[in-house]
N, C-alpha and C. Protein backbone atom coordinates (compact mmCIF):
# COMPACT_ATOMS: atom_id res chain seq x y z
N UNK A 1 23.41 48.55 27.92
CA UNK A 1 22.80 47.46 28.83
C UNK A 1 23.70 46.65 29.31
N UNK A 2 24.08 46.44 30.36
CA UNK A 2 25.09 45.64 31.10
C UNK A 2 24.41 44.19 31.09
N UNK A 3 25.59 43.38 30.41
CA UNK A 3 25.30 41.63 29.75
C UNK A 3 26.12 41.33 30.92
N UNK A 4 25.16 39.85 31.41
CA UNK A 4 26.21 39.23 31.98
C UNK A 4 26.17 37.71 31.15
N UNK A 5 27.20 37.18 30.76
CA UNK A 5 27.16 35.86 30.10
C UNK A 5 26.79 34.59 30.77
N UNK A 6 26.12 33.81 30.86
CA UNK A 6 25.43 32.91 31.68
C UNK A 6 26.20 31.26 31.25
N UNK A 7 26.93 30.44 31.74
CA UNK A 7 27.16 29.03 30.94
C UNK A 7 26.67 28.38 32.18
N UNK A 8 25.64 27.60 31.83
CA UNK A 8 24.84 26.42 32.35
C UNK A 8 25.60 25.04 32.17
N UNK A 9 26.45 24.59 33.17
CA UNK A 9 27.11 23.50 33.20
C UNK A 9 27.17 22.12 33.82
N UNK A 10 27.32 21.30 33.46
CA UNK A 10 27.70 19.76 34.42
C UNK A 10 29.03 19.63 34.23
N UNK A 11 29.51 19.37 35.66
CA UNK A 11 30.90 18.91 35.73
C UNK A 11 31.08 17.66 35.15
N UNK A 12 32.02 17.36 33.84
CA UNK A 12 31.91 16.12 33.20
C UNK A 12 32.53 14.96 33.77
N UNK A 13 32.13 14.09 34.63
CA UNK A 13 32.23 13.00 35.84
C UNK A 13 31.73 11.76 34.72
N UNK A 14 32.91 11.14 34.41
CA UNK A 14 32.85 9.88 33.84
C UNK A 14 31.48 8.79 34.67
N UNK A 15 30.64 8.30 33.63
CA UNK A 15 29.43 7.75 34.41
C UNK A 15 28.26 8.57 34.46
N UNK A 16 28.48 9.73 34.60
CA UNK A 16 27.42 10.99 34.84
C UNK A 16 27.11 11.94 33.87
N UNK A 17 28.24 12.06 32.91
CA UNK A 17 28.19 12.87 31.88
C UNK A 17 27.54 12.53 30.59
N UNK A 18 26.90 13.26 29.93
CA UNK A 18 26.36 12.88 28.58
C UNK A 18 26.33 11.18 28.53
N UNK A 19 25.41 10.77 29.26
CA UNK A 19 25.00 9.62 29.29
C UNK A 19 24.59 9.02 27.65
N UNK A 20 23.63 10.01 26.98
CA UNK A 20 23.59 9.19 25.72
C UNK A 20 24.63 9.38 24.91
N UNK A 21 25.57 10.14 25.06
CA UNK A 21 27.24 9.63 24.29
C UNK A 21 27.84 8.41 24.93
N UNK A 22 27.41 8.39 26.41
CA UNK A 22 28.09 7.21 26.88
C UNK A 22 27.94 5.80 26.26
N UNK A 23 26.47 5.60 25.97
CA UNK A 23 25.54 4.84 25.81
C UNK A 23 26.43 3.83 24.41
N UNK A 24 26.65 4.63 23.69
CA UNK A 24 27.83 4.36 22.43
C UNK A 24 29.18 4.48 22.25
N UNK A 25 30.10 5.36 23.10
CA UNK A 25 31.14 5.36 23.08
C UNK A 25 32.09 4.80 24.63
N UNK A 26 30.91 4.83 25.61
CA UNK A 26 31.57 4.69 27.12
C UNK A 26 31.66 6.02 27.97
N UNK A 27 31.74 5.89 29.18
CA UNK A 27 31.72 6.65 29.93
C UNK A 27 33.29 7.54 29.79
N UNK A 28 34.12 7.21 29.55
CA UNK A 28 35.64 7.75 29.97
C UNK A 28 35.30 8.61 28.33
N UNK A 29 35.00 8.60 27.46
CA UNK A 29 35.10 8.85 26.01
C UNK A 29 33.97 10.00 26.13
N UNK A 30 32.77 9.59 26.67
CA UNK A 30 31.90 10.70 26.97
C UNK A 30 32.13 12.07 27.61
N UNK A 31 32.89 11.73 28.74
CA UNK A 31 33.12 12.74 29.74
C UNK A 31 34.05 13.62 29.02
N UNK A 32 35.05 13.10 28.54
CA UNK A 32 36.06 13.56 27.66
C UNK A 32 35.91 14.80 26.68
N UNK A 33 34.87 14.30 26.07
CA UNK A 33 34.31 15.40 24.84
C UNK A 33 33.44 15.95 25.83
N UNK A 34 32.63 15.73 26.65
CA UNK A 34 31.69 16.98 27.22
C UNK A 34 32.79 17.83 28.18
N UNK A 35 34.07 17.45 28.73
CA UNK A 35 35.21 18.40 29.24
C UNK A 35 35.67 19.23 27.94
N UNK A 36 35.86 18.72 26.80
CA UNK A 36 36.34 19.60 25.89
C UNK A 36 35.15 20.44 24.95
N UNK A 37 34.23 20.08 25.17
CA UNK A 37 32.97 20.98 24.66
C UNK A 37 33.11 22.08 25.72
N UNK A 38 33.27 21.92 26.76
CA UNK A 38 32.83 22.97 27.99
C UNK A 38 33.87 23.57 27.82
N UNK A 39 35.38 23.45 27.85
CA UNK A 39 36.30 24.29 27.55
C UNK A 39 36.51 25.47 26.25
N UNK A 40 35.78 24.61 25.38
CA UNK A 40 35.80 25.54 24.07
C UNK A 40 34.78 26.57 24.40
N UNK A 41 33.63 26.18 25.09
CA UNK A 41 32.69 27.12 25.34
C UNK A 41 33.20 28.28 26.20
N UNK A 42 33.90 27.92 27.42
CA UNK A 42 34.48 28.81 28.07
C UNK A 42 35.33 30.03 27.30
N UNK A 43 36.21 29.36 26.52
CA UNK A 43 37.38 30.45 25.52
C UNK A 43 35.96 31.29 24.80
N UNK A 44 35.34 30.65 24.12
CA UNK A 44 34.20 31.87 23.44
C UNK A 44 33.66 32.82 24.24
N UNK A 45 33.20 32.34 25.56
CA UNK A 45 32.55 33.37 26.27
C UNK A 45 33.96 34.24 26.72
N UNK A 46 34.82 33.68 27.28
CA UNK A 46 36.14 34.90 27.54
C UNK A 46 36.17 35.54 26.54
N UNK A 47 35.87 35.82 25.19
CA UNK A 47 36.84 36.39 24.07
C UNK A 47 35.42 37.28 24.11
N UNK A 48 34.44 37.02 24.41
CA UNK A 48 32.93 37.70 23.93
C UNK A 48 32.83 39.52 24.55
N UNK A 49 32.50 39.81 23.88
CA UNK A 49 32.13 41.37 24.72
C UNK A 49 30.66 41.48 25.42
N UNK A 50 31.38 41.41 26.64
CA UNK A 50 30.07 41.20 27.67
C UNK A 50 30.81 41.90 28.73
N UNK A 51 29.78 42.16 29.88
CA UNK A 51 30.61 42.78 30.90
C UNK A 51 30.45 41.80 32.10
N UNK A 52 29.97 40.65 32.33
CA UNK A 52 30.28 39.64 33.68
C UNK A 52 30.18 38.30 32.70
N UNK A 53 30.77 37.15 33.70
CA UNK A 53 30.71 36.02 33.07
C UNK A 53 30.61 35.16 34.21
N UNK A 54 29.57 34.39 34.15
CA UNK A 54 29.62 33.63 35.38
C UNK A 54 29.01 32.11 35.20
N UNK A 55 29.65 31.20 35.80
CA UNK A 55 29.09 29.68 35.59
C UNK A 55 28.56 29.08 36.71
N UNK A 56 27.34 28.79 36.05
CA UNK A 56 26.37 27.79 37.01
C UNK A 56 26.64 26.26 36.76
N UNK A 57 27.36 25.79 38.00
CA UNK A 57 27.82 24.49 38.23
C UNK A 57 26.95 23.63 38.78
N UNK A 58 27.01 22.26 38.37
CA UNK A 58 26.62 21.64 39.34
C UNK A 58 27.57 20.10 39.06
N UNK A 59 27.48 19.07 40.07
CA UNK A 59 28.47 18.07 40.04
C UNK A 59 29.85 18.42 40.77
N UNK A 60 30.71 17.46 40.86
CA UNK A 60 32.24 17.50 41.92
C UNK A 60 33.21 17.64 40.69
N UNK A 61 33.79 18.74 40.45
CA UNK A 61 34.44 19.19 39.37
C UNK A 61 35.82 18.74 39.48
N UNK A 62 36.21 17.96 40.85
CA UNK A 62 37.47 17.08 40.78
C UNK A 62 37.45 16.10 40.90
N UNK A 63 36.05 15.57 40.59
CA UNK A 63 36.32 14.24 39.60
C UNK A 63 35.87 13.93 38.55
N UNK A 64 35.95 15.08 37.58
CA UNK A 64 35.60 15.27 36.32
C UNK A 64 36.60 14.91 35.34
N UNK A 65 36.68 14.97 34.09
CA UNK A 65 37.50 14.73 32.96
C UNK A 65 38.18 15.95 32.91
N UNK A 66 39.46 16.00 32.72
CA UNK A 66 39.93 17.43 32.50
C UNK A 66 39.96 18.15 33.74
N UNK A 67 40.09 17.83 35.04
CA UNK A 67 39.62 18.67 36.46
C UNK A 67 41.11 19.47 36.44
N UNK A 68 41.73 19.46 35.95
CA UNK A 68 42.71 20.99 36.46
C UNK A 68 42.97 21.60 35.11
N UNK A 69 42.55 21.24 33.96
CA UNK A 69 42.61 21.98 32.93
C UNK A 69 41.49 23.35 33.34
N UNK A 70 39.98 22.60 33.53
CA UNK A 70 39.02 23.12 34.15
C UNK A 70 38.93 24.02 34.74
N UNK A 71 39.57 23.80 35.97
CA UNK A 71 39.68 24.52 37.28
C UNK A 71 40.61 25.49 36.79
N UNK A 72 41.50 25.52 35.89
CA UNK A 72 42.31 26.93 35.58
C UNK A 72 41.87 27.58 34.61
N UNK A 73 40.61 27.18 33.64
CA UNK A 73 39.86 28.02 32.85
C UNK A 73 38.83 28.66 33.58
N UNK A 74 38.18 28.02 34.57
CA UNK A 74 37.11 28.35 35.59
C UNK A 74 37.57 29.67 36.46
N UNK A 75 38.98 30.04 36.70
CA UNK A 75 39.32 31.01 37.39
C UNK A 75 39.09 32.58 37.07
N UNK A 76 38.98 32.35 35.59
CA UNK A 76 38.37 33.88 35.47
C UNK A 76 36.88 33.90 35.32
N UNK A 77 36.03 33.09 35.57
CA UNK A 77 34.54 33.38 35.93
C UNK A 77 34.44 33.59 37.45
N UNK A 78 32.99 33.83 37.52
CA UNK A 78 32.41 33.57 38.56
C UNK A 78 31.51 32.24 38.71
N UNK A 79 31.96 31.43 39.71
CA UNK A 79 30.91 30.05 39.56
C UNK A 79 29.86 30.26 40.47
N UNK A 80 29.25 29.68 40.40
CA UNK A 80 27.68 29.82 41.25
C UNK A 80 27.38 28.28 41.23
N UNK A 81 26.80 28.20 42.51
CA UNK A 81 26.00 26.59 42.31
C UNK A 81 24.60 26.57 41.71
N UNK A 82 24.40 25.48 40.82
CA UNK A 82 22.90 25.45 40.65
C UNK A 82 22.29 25.20 41.87
N UNK A 83 21.03 25.22 41.97
CA UNK A 83 19.99 25.18 43.13
C UNK A 83 18.78 24.84 42.36
N UNK A 84 17.76 24.19 43.07
CA UNK A 84 16.46 23.71 42.49
C UNK A 84 16.42 22.25 41.83
N UNK A 85 15.21 22.04 41.64
CA UNK A 85 14.83 20.45 41.30
C UNK A 85 14.94 19.90 39.91
N UNK A 86 14.10 20.29 39.16
CA UNK A 86 14.21 20.14 37.71
C UNK A 86 14.61 21.22 37.09
N UNK A 87 15.13 20.70 35.80
CA UNK A 87 16.08 21.30 35.09
C UNK A 87 15.57 23.34 34.85
N UNK A 88 14.15 22.89 34.69
CA UNK A 88 13.74 24.32 34.52
C UNK A 88 13.55 25.17 35.66
N UNK A 89 13.74 24.86 36.84
CA UNK A 89 13.72 25.64 37.95
C UNK A 89 15.25 25.76 38.52
N UNK A 90 16.12 24.99 37.73
CA UNK A 90 17.58 25.26 38.21
C UNK A 90 17.96 26.62 36.92
N UNK A 91 17.42 26.52 35.83
CA UNK A 91 17.90 27.62 34.61
C UNK A 91 17.35 29.00 35.59
N UNK A 92 15.97 28.96 35.93
CA UNK A 92 15.47 30.24 36.68
C UNK A 92 16.35 30.81 37.62
N UNK A 93 16.93 29.71 38.26
CA UNK A 93 17.66 30.21 39.31
C UNK A 93 18.52 30.62 39.16
N UNK A 94 19.68 30.24 38.16
CA UNK A 94 20.78 30.57 37.60
C UNK A 94 20.67 32.11 37.13
N UNK A 95 19.54 32.31 36.36
CA UNK A 95 19.43 33.79 35.59
C UNK A 95 19.25 34.61 37.10
N UNK A 96 18.69 34.41 38.03
CA UNK A 96 18.57 35.24 39.09
C UNK A 96 19.92 35.48 40.07
N UNK A 97 20.22 34.35 40.05
CA UNK A 97 21.70 34.67 41.20
C UNK A 97 22.73 35.35 40.08
N UNK A 98 23.06 35.15 39.07
CA UNK A 98 23.74 35.39 37.87
C UNK A 98 23.83 37.08 37.65
N UNK A 99 22.15 37.56 38.00
CA UNK A 99 22.06 38.91 37.31
C UNK A 99 22.53 39.73 38.83
N UNK A 100 23.62 40.48 38.70
CA UNK A 100 23.76 41.70 39.40
C UNK A 100 22.73 42.90 39.11
N UNK A 101 22.91 43.29 38.02
CA UNK A 101 22.12 43.82 37.28
C UNK A 101 21.98 44.13 35.90
N UNK A 102 21.03 44.47 34.95
CA UNK A 102 21.23 44.32 33.24
C UNK A 102 20.58 42.79 33.54
N UNK A 103 20.82 42.48 32.05
CA UNK A 103 20.40 41.11 31.21
C UNK A 103 21.29 39.95 31.57
N UNK A 104 20.76 38.96 31.13
CA UNK A 104 21.69 37.87 31.14
C UNK A 104 21.56 36.83 29.98
N UNK A 105 22.64 36.74 29.34
CA UNK A 105 22.83 36.03 27.90
C UNK A 105 23.31 34.55 28.69
N UNK A 106 22.49 33.36 28.30
CA UNK A 106 22.49 32.17 28.45
C UNK A 106 23.18 31.12 27.72
N UNK A 107 23.96 30.27 27.86
CA UNK A 107 24.19 29.28 26.86
C UNK A 107 24.33 27.92 27.67
N UNK A 108 24.36 26.53 27.17
CA UNK A 108 24.69 25.68 27.77
C UNK A 108 26.28 25.07 27.25
N UNK A 109 26.68 23.88 27.42
CA UNK A 109 28.34 23.43 27.13
C UNK A 109 28.17 22.58 25.92
N UNK A 110 26.72 22.15 25.38
CA UNK A 110 26.88 21.31 24.25
C UNK A 110 26.97 21.92 22.80
N UNK A 111 27.20 23.12 22.57
CA UNK A 111 27.60 23.66 21.49
C UNK A 111 29.24 24.14 20.88
N UNK A 112 30.18 23.48 21.24
CA UNK A 112 31.39 23.97 20.98
C UNK A 112 31.83 24.64 19.94
N UNK A 113 30.60 24.65 18.80
CA UNK A 113 31.26 25.22 17.86
C UNK A 113 30.73 27.17 17.98
N UNK A 114 30.27 27.30 19.15
CA UNK A 114 29.72 28.75 19.24
C UNK A 114 31.51 29.53 19.70
N UNK A 115 30.96 31.01 18.95
CA UNK A 115 31.96 31.92 18.67
C UNK A 115 31.99 33.19 19.65
N UNK A 116 32.79 33.39 19.93
CA UNK A 116 32.62 35.04 20.58
C UNK A 116 32.29 35.85 19.93
N UNK A 117 32.07 36.18 18.14
CA UNK A 117 31.25 36.65 17.71
C UNK A 117 30.04 36.60 18.01
N UNK A 118 29.89 35.66 17.83
CA UNK A 118 27.94 35.53 18.01
C UNK A 118 27.74 35.46 18.94
N UNK A 119 28.23 35.64 20.14
CA UNK A 119 27.88 35.67 21.72
C UNK A 119 28.03 37.26 21.83
N UNK A 120 28.98 37.98 21.15
CA UNK A 120 28.94 39.37 21.41
C UNK A 120 27.77 39.76 20.43
N UNK A 121 27.44 39.37 19.19
CA UNK A 121 26.09 40.05 18.56
C UNK A 121 25.07 39.82 19.31
N UNK A 122 24.72 38.44 19.65
CA UNK A 122 23.86 38.17 20.65
C UNK A 122 23.57 39.24 21.77
N UNK A 123 24.66 39.54 22.74
CA UNK A 123 24.34 40.29 23.65
C UNK A 123 24.34 41.68 23.21
N UNK A 124 24.91 41.99 22.13
CA UNK A 124 24.31 43.50 21.34
C UNK A 124 23.20 43.71 21.37
N UNK A 125 21.89 42.66 20.96
CA UNK A 125 21.05 42.68 20.87
C UNK A 125 20.06 42.83 21.86
N UNK A 126 20.38 42.75 23.06
CA UNK A 126 19.85 42.64 23.99
C UNK A 126 19.54 44.43 24.54
N UNK A 127 20.01 44.99 23.78
CA UNK A 127 20.16 46.64 24.26
C UNK A 127 18.34 46.51 23.70
N UNK A 128 17.95 45.76 22.75
CA UNK A 128 16.58 46.49 22.18
C UNK A 128 15.44 44.87 22.19
N UNK A 129 15.93 44.03 22.62
CA UNK A 129 15.05 42.82 22.40
C UNK A 129 15.92 41.56 23.36
N UNK A 130 14.61 40.72 23.53
CA UNK A 130 15.34 39.43 24.53
C UNK A 130 15.42 38.43 23.15
N UNK A 131 16.44 37.49 23.41
CA UNK A 131 16.83 36.40 22.41
C UNK A 131 16.78 35.20 22.69
N UNK A 132 16.49 34.29 21.41
CA UNK A 132 16.88 32.88 21.84
C UNK A 132 17.11 32.51 20.37
N UNK A 133 17.85 31.30 20.72
CA UNK A 133 18.78 30.73 19.65
C UNK A 133 17.96 29.05 19.85
N UNK A 134 17.38 28.72 18.90
CA UNK A 134 17.04 27.14 18.53
C UNK A 134 17.89 26.08 18.22
N UNK A 135 17.88 25.10 18.62
CA UNK A 135 18.62 23.82 18.29
C UNK A 135 18.01 23.17 17.36
N UNK A 136 18.76 22.29 16.43
CA UNK A 136 18.05 21.57 15.75
C UNK A 136 17.18 20.29 16.21
N UNK A 137 17.86 19.95 17.28
CA UNK A 137 16.87 18.97 18.02
C UNK A 137 15.35 19.26 18.25
N UNK A 138 15.18 20.65 18.27
CA UNK A 138 13.73 21.18 18.71
C UNK A 138 14.05 21.81 20.09
N UNK A 139 15.00 21.63 20.54
CA UNK A 139 15.48 22.56 21.85
C UNK A 139 16.06 23.93 21.52
N UNK A 140 17.04 24.43 22.23
CA UNK A 140 17.68 25.65 22.34
C UNK A 140 18.73 26.02 23.16
N UNK A 141 19.83 26.55 22.27
CA UNK A 141 21.36 26.77 22.74
C UNK A 141 21.46 27.95 23.46
N UNK A 142 20.67 29.07 23.40
CA UNK A 142 21.22 30.21 24.04
C UNK A 142 19.43 31.03 24.41
N UNK A 143 19.91 31.52 25.73
CA UNK A 143 18.70 32.53 25.67
C UNK A 143 19.22 33.56 26.30
N UNK A 144 19.04 35.16 25.90
CA UNK A 144 18.84 36.24 26.45
C UNK A 144 17.88 37.02 26.78
N UNK A 145 17.73 37.47 28.57
CA UNK A 145 16.54 38.18 28.80
C UNK A 145 17.07 39.39 29.32
N UNK A 146 16.36 40.26 28.98
CA UNK A 146 16.77 41.90 29.44
C UNK A 146 16.46 41.64 30.97
N UNK A 147 15.14 41.24 31.37
CA UNK A 147 14.51 41.20 32.50
C UNK A 147 15.04 39.67 33.13
N UNK A 148 15.87 38.88 33.81
CA UNK A 148 16.23 37.67 34.24
C UNK A 148 15.04 36.97 34.93
N UNK A 149 14.30 37.84 35.71
CA UNK A 149 12.96 37.21 36.28
C UNK A 149 11.91 36.95 35.50
N UNK A 150 12.16 36.93 34.44
CA UNK A 150 11.32 36.31 33.21
C UNK A 150 11.56 34.82 32.82
N UNK A 151 12.86 34.29 33.39
CA UNK A 151 13.13 33.09 33.24
C UNK A 151 12.47 32.31 34.04
N UNK A 152 11.52 32.63 35.24
CA UNK A 152 10.87 31.74 36.05
C UNK A 152 10.34 31.06 35.04
N UNK A 153 9.48 31.61 33.70
CA UNK A 153 8.71 31.08 32.81
C UNK A 153 9.02 29.41 32.28
N UNK A 154 10.37 29.52 32.39
CA UNK A 154 11.27 28.12 32.25
C UNK A 154 10.53 26.85 33.13
N UNK A 155 10.13 27.47 34.24
CA UNK A 155 9.98 26.11 35.17
C UNK A 155 9.12 25.17 35.02
N UNK A 156 7.89 25.42 33.95
CA UNK A 156 6.82 24.49 33.61
C UNK A 156 6.96 24.18 32.27
N UNK A 157 8.28 24.21 31.80
CA UNK A 157 8.50 24.05 30.64
C UNK A 157 9.26 22.67 30.08
N UNK A 158 8.73 21.99 29.69
CA UNK A 158 9.10 20.18 29.21
C UNK A 158 10.64 20.32 28.73
N UNK A 159 11.81 20.23 29.39
CA UNK A 159 12.92 20.11 28.97
C UNK A 159 13.37 18.80 28.13
N UNK A 160 14.50 19.24 27.38
CA UNK A 160 15.06 17.94 26.41
C UNK A 160 13.93 16.94 25.76
N UNK A 161 13.20 17.63 25.27
CA UNK A 161 11.79 17.42 24.52
C UNK A 161 12.06 18.30 22.93
N UNK A 162 11.44 17.33 21.86
CA UNK A 162 11.53 18.23 20.44
C UNK A 162 10.61 19.27 20.50
N UNK A 163 9.93 19.54 21.79
CA UNK A 163 8.92 20.49 21.88
C UNK A 163 10.01 21.72 22.61
N UNK A 164 10.49 21.36 23.30
CA UNK A 164 10.98 22.28 24.01
C UNK A 164 11.07 23.92 23.53
N UNK A 165 11.86 23.90 22.58
CA UNK A 165 12.20 25.08 21.80
C UNK A 165 10.66 25.66 21.58
N UNK A 166 9.94 25.77 20.90
CA UNK A 166 8.63 26.35 21.01
C UNK A 166 7.77 26.57 22.48
N UNK A 167 7.69 25.31 23.34
CA UNK A 167 7.17 25.91 24.41
C UNK A 167 7.90 26.99 25.03
N UNK A 168 9.07 26.68 24.99
CA UNK A 168 10.10 27.91 25.93
C UNK A 168 9.81 29.21 25.10
N UNK A 169 9.63 29.42 23.87
CA UNK A 169 9.00 30.35 23.18
C UNK A 169 7.83 30.96 23.67
N UNK A 170 6.87 30.20 23.86
CA UNK A 170 5.57 30.44 24.26
C UNK A 170 5.48 31.17 25.59
N UNK A 171 6.41 29.90 26.53
CA UNK A 171 6.17 30.22 27.75
C UNK A 171 6.60 31.98 28.25
N UNK A 172 7.72 32.25 27.31
CA UNK A 172 8.45 33.43 27.63
C UNK A 172 7.53 34.57 26.82
N UNK A 173 6.82 34.55 26.12
CA UNK A 173 6.12 35.64 25.04
C UNK A 173 5.14 35.71 25.64
N UNK A 174 4.16 34.61 26.64
CA UNK A 174 2.97 34.72 27.75
C UNK A 174 3.49 35.72 28.63
N UNK A 175 4.93 35.42 29.27
CA UNK A 175 5.28 36.24 30.52
C UNK A 175 5.79 37.67 30.34
N UNK A 176 5.79 38.14 29.07
CA UNK A 176 6.30 39.46 28.44
C UNK A 176 7.37 39.53 27.83
N UNK A 177 8.09 38.44 27.05
CA UNK A 177 9.18 38.86 26.51
C UNK A 177 8.96 38.89 25.27
N UNK A 178 9.85 40.11 24.63
CA UNK A 178 9.71 40.15 23.12
C UNK A 178 10.95 39.61 22.65
N UNK A 179 10.91 38.41 21.83
CA UNK A 179 11.97 37.35 21.36
C UNK A 179 12.17 37.55 19.85
N UNK A 180 13.33 37.92 19.83
CA UNK A 180 14.08 37.91 18.82
C UNK A 180 14.99 36.74 18.19
N UNK A 181 14.79 35.70 17.40
CA UNK A 181 15.35 34.63 17.24
C UNK A 181 16.89 34.62 16.46
N UNK A 182 17.80 33.53 17.52
CA UNK A 182 19.29 33.70 16.90
C UNK A 182 19.18 32.47 15.75
N UNK A 183 20.63 32.24 15.41
CA UNK A 183 20.45 31.74 14.26
C UNK A 183 20.46 30.03 14.97
N UNK A 184 19.94 28.86 14.15
CA UNK A 184 19.75 27.73 14.79
C UNK A 184 21.37 27.04 14.99
N UNK A 185 21.35 26.23 15.97
CA UNK A 185 22.99 25.35 16.01
C UNK A 185 22.39 23.92 16.05
N UNK A 186 23.61 23.36 16.16
CA UNK A 186 23.24 21.73 16.12
C UNK A 186 24.11 21.52 17.85
N UNK A 187 23.40 21.07 18.61
CA UNK A 187 24.11 20.70 19.77
C UNK A 187 24.35 19.23 20.19
N UNK A 188 24.88 18.59 20.73
CA UNK A 188 25.84 17.29 20.90
C UNK A 188 24.93 16.57 21.97
N UNK A 189 24.63 15.77 21.33
CA UNK A 189 23.58 14.63 22.34
C UNK A 189 24.04 13.49 22.12
N UNK A 190 23.99 13.08 20.68
CA UNK A 190 24.49 11.56 20.59
C UNK A 190 26.09 11.44 19.55
N UNK A 191 25.98 10.27 19.44
CA UNK A 191 27.68 10.27 18.64
C UNK A 191 27.04 10.22 17.24
N UNK A 192 26.32 10.53 16.55
CA UNK A 192 25.99 11.25 15.19
C UNK A 192 25.86 12.49 15.04
N UNK A 193 26.09 12.98 16.15
CA UNK A 193 26.40 15.05 16.37
C UNK A 193 27.70 15.13 16.00
N UNK A 194 28.78 14.34 16.30
CA UNK A 194 30.05 14.25 16.54
C UNK A 194 30.68 15.38 15.17
N UNK A 195 30.60 14.53 14.23
CA UNK A 195 31.40 14.91 13.36
C UNK A 195 31.23 16.09 12.65
N UNK A 196 29.49 16.14 12.94
CA UNK A 196 28.61 17.33 11.94
C UNK A 196 29.43 18.61 12.78
N UNK A 197 29.32 18.55 14.18
CA UNK A 197 29.68 19.53 14.95
C UNK A 197 31.07 19.90 15.15
N UNK A 198 31.75 18.98 15.05
CA UNK A 198 33.14 19.32 15.13
C UNK A 198 33.68 20.04 13.55
N UNK A 199 33.29 19.66 12.51
CA UNK A 199 33.83 20.26 11.25
C UNK A 199 33.27 21.88 11.29
N UNK A 200 32.65 22.21 12.00
CA UNK A 200 32.35 23.57 12.40
C UNK A 200 32.82 24.51 13.35
N UNK A 201 33.72 23.41 14.16
CA UNK A 201 34.98 24.31 15.28
C UNK A 201 36.39 25.08 14.67
N UNK A 202 36.84 25.34 15.06
CA UNK A 202 38.35 25.65 14.74
C UNK A 202 39.30 24.51 14.86
N UNK A 203 40.29 24.27 13.69
CA UNK A 203 40.72 22.88 14.14
C UNK A 203 41.79 22.87 15.09
N UNK A 204 41.99 24.00 16.09
CA UNK A 204 42.56 23.77 17.21
C UNK A 204 41.61 23.63 18.38
N UNK A 205 40.25 23.57 17.78
CA UNK A 205 39.64 23.66 19.28
C UNK A 205 39.61 22.36 20.03
N UNK A 206 39.18 21.97 21.12
CA UNK A 206 39.57 20.74 22.09
C UNK A 206 38.47 20.07 21.81
N UNK A 207 37.49 20.20 21.17
CA UNK A 207 36.62 19.23 21.02
C UNK A 207 36.68 18.59 19.62
N UNK A 208 37.28 19.56 18.47
CA UNK A 208 37.57 18.62 17.38
C UNK A 208 38.82 17.99 17.19
N UNK A 209 39.54 18.23 18.17
CA UNK A 209 40.64 17.49 18.51
C UNK A 209 40.36 16.27 19.28
N UNK A 210 39.35 16.40 20.09
CA UNK A 210 38.79 14.94 20.86
C UNK A 210 38.20 13.96 19.97
N UNK A 211 37.39 14.52 18.96
CA UNK A 211 36.55 14.32 18.12
C UNK A 211 37.46 13.42 17.25
N UNK A 212 38.53 14.34 16.68
CA UNK A 212 39.90 13.61 15.73
C UNK A 212 40.24 12.21 16.42
N UNK A 213 40.39 12.15 17.92
CA UNK A 213 41.14 11.34 18.23
C UNK A 213 40.33 10.08 18.72
N UNK A 214 38.87 10.28 18.58
CA UNK A 214 38.38 8.98 18.33
C UNK A 214 38.63 8.21 17.22
N UNK A 215 38.53 8.65 16.28
CA UNK A 215 38.88 8.07 15.04
C UNK A 215 40.16 7.67 14.59
N UNK A 216 41.36 7.77 15.47
CA UNK A 216 42.95 7.36 15.56
C UNK A 216 42.86 6.11 16.15
N UNK A 217 43.19 4.94 15.20
CA UNK A 217 43.61 3.89 15.77
C UNK A 217 44.67 3.65 17.03
């Protein structure tokens, strides 16, 4: 099975990125953490054993934190624009736009602890099953579909809700997907998530370093 890894991302522009983090940390710090998380995610995807690598991006990268570093990191990816109104529609369209052939394994930018091996293992499972990785908050962090057209089932799923993971599983199963669950991960939405997630990252990860700098006087 040919597998395309798809990262769905938002340019980490101060004032627009990670607003729940920004509510307690400020716009600049939240954008810096978002940029670090995205860079770590791109590293993992780049090292994973997949056939194609695509980033579906929204927002103005030129205004983002770490814009130059992100531009260099994205040079080895095919970058496409997100399109659609709600998140579900944008996700469905991203699957369709990313898939030249074969399966799509999609992740976001809120799990910087993700590893290349974890993504490689998930991609390998797509030979025989679709996959879904749940998040601790009730959402999900990864979705792999052997038929990317099944992502149209996401359009009517309420996003960013405690029931999102369950509703996604139900919608995809109804549409004909055969889902195997991946491991559960904690994503970064609030300040309370920072230390727990950063400790799961490698000591040199940009996200872990950025979290450590928050605690440095």
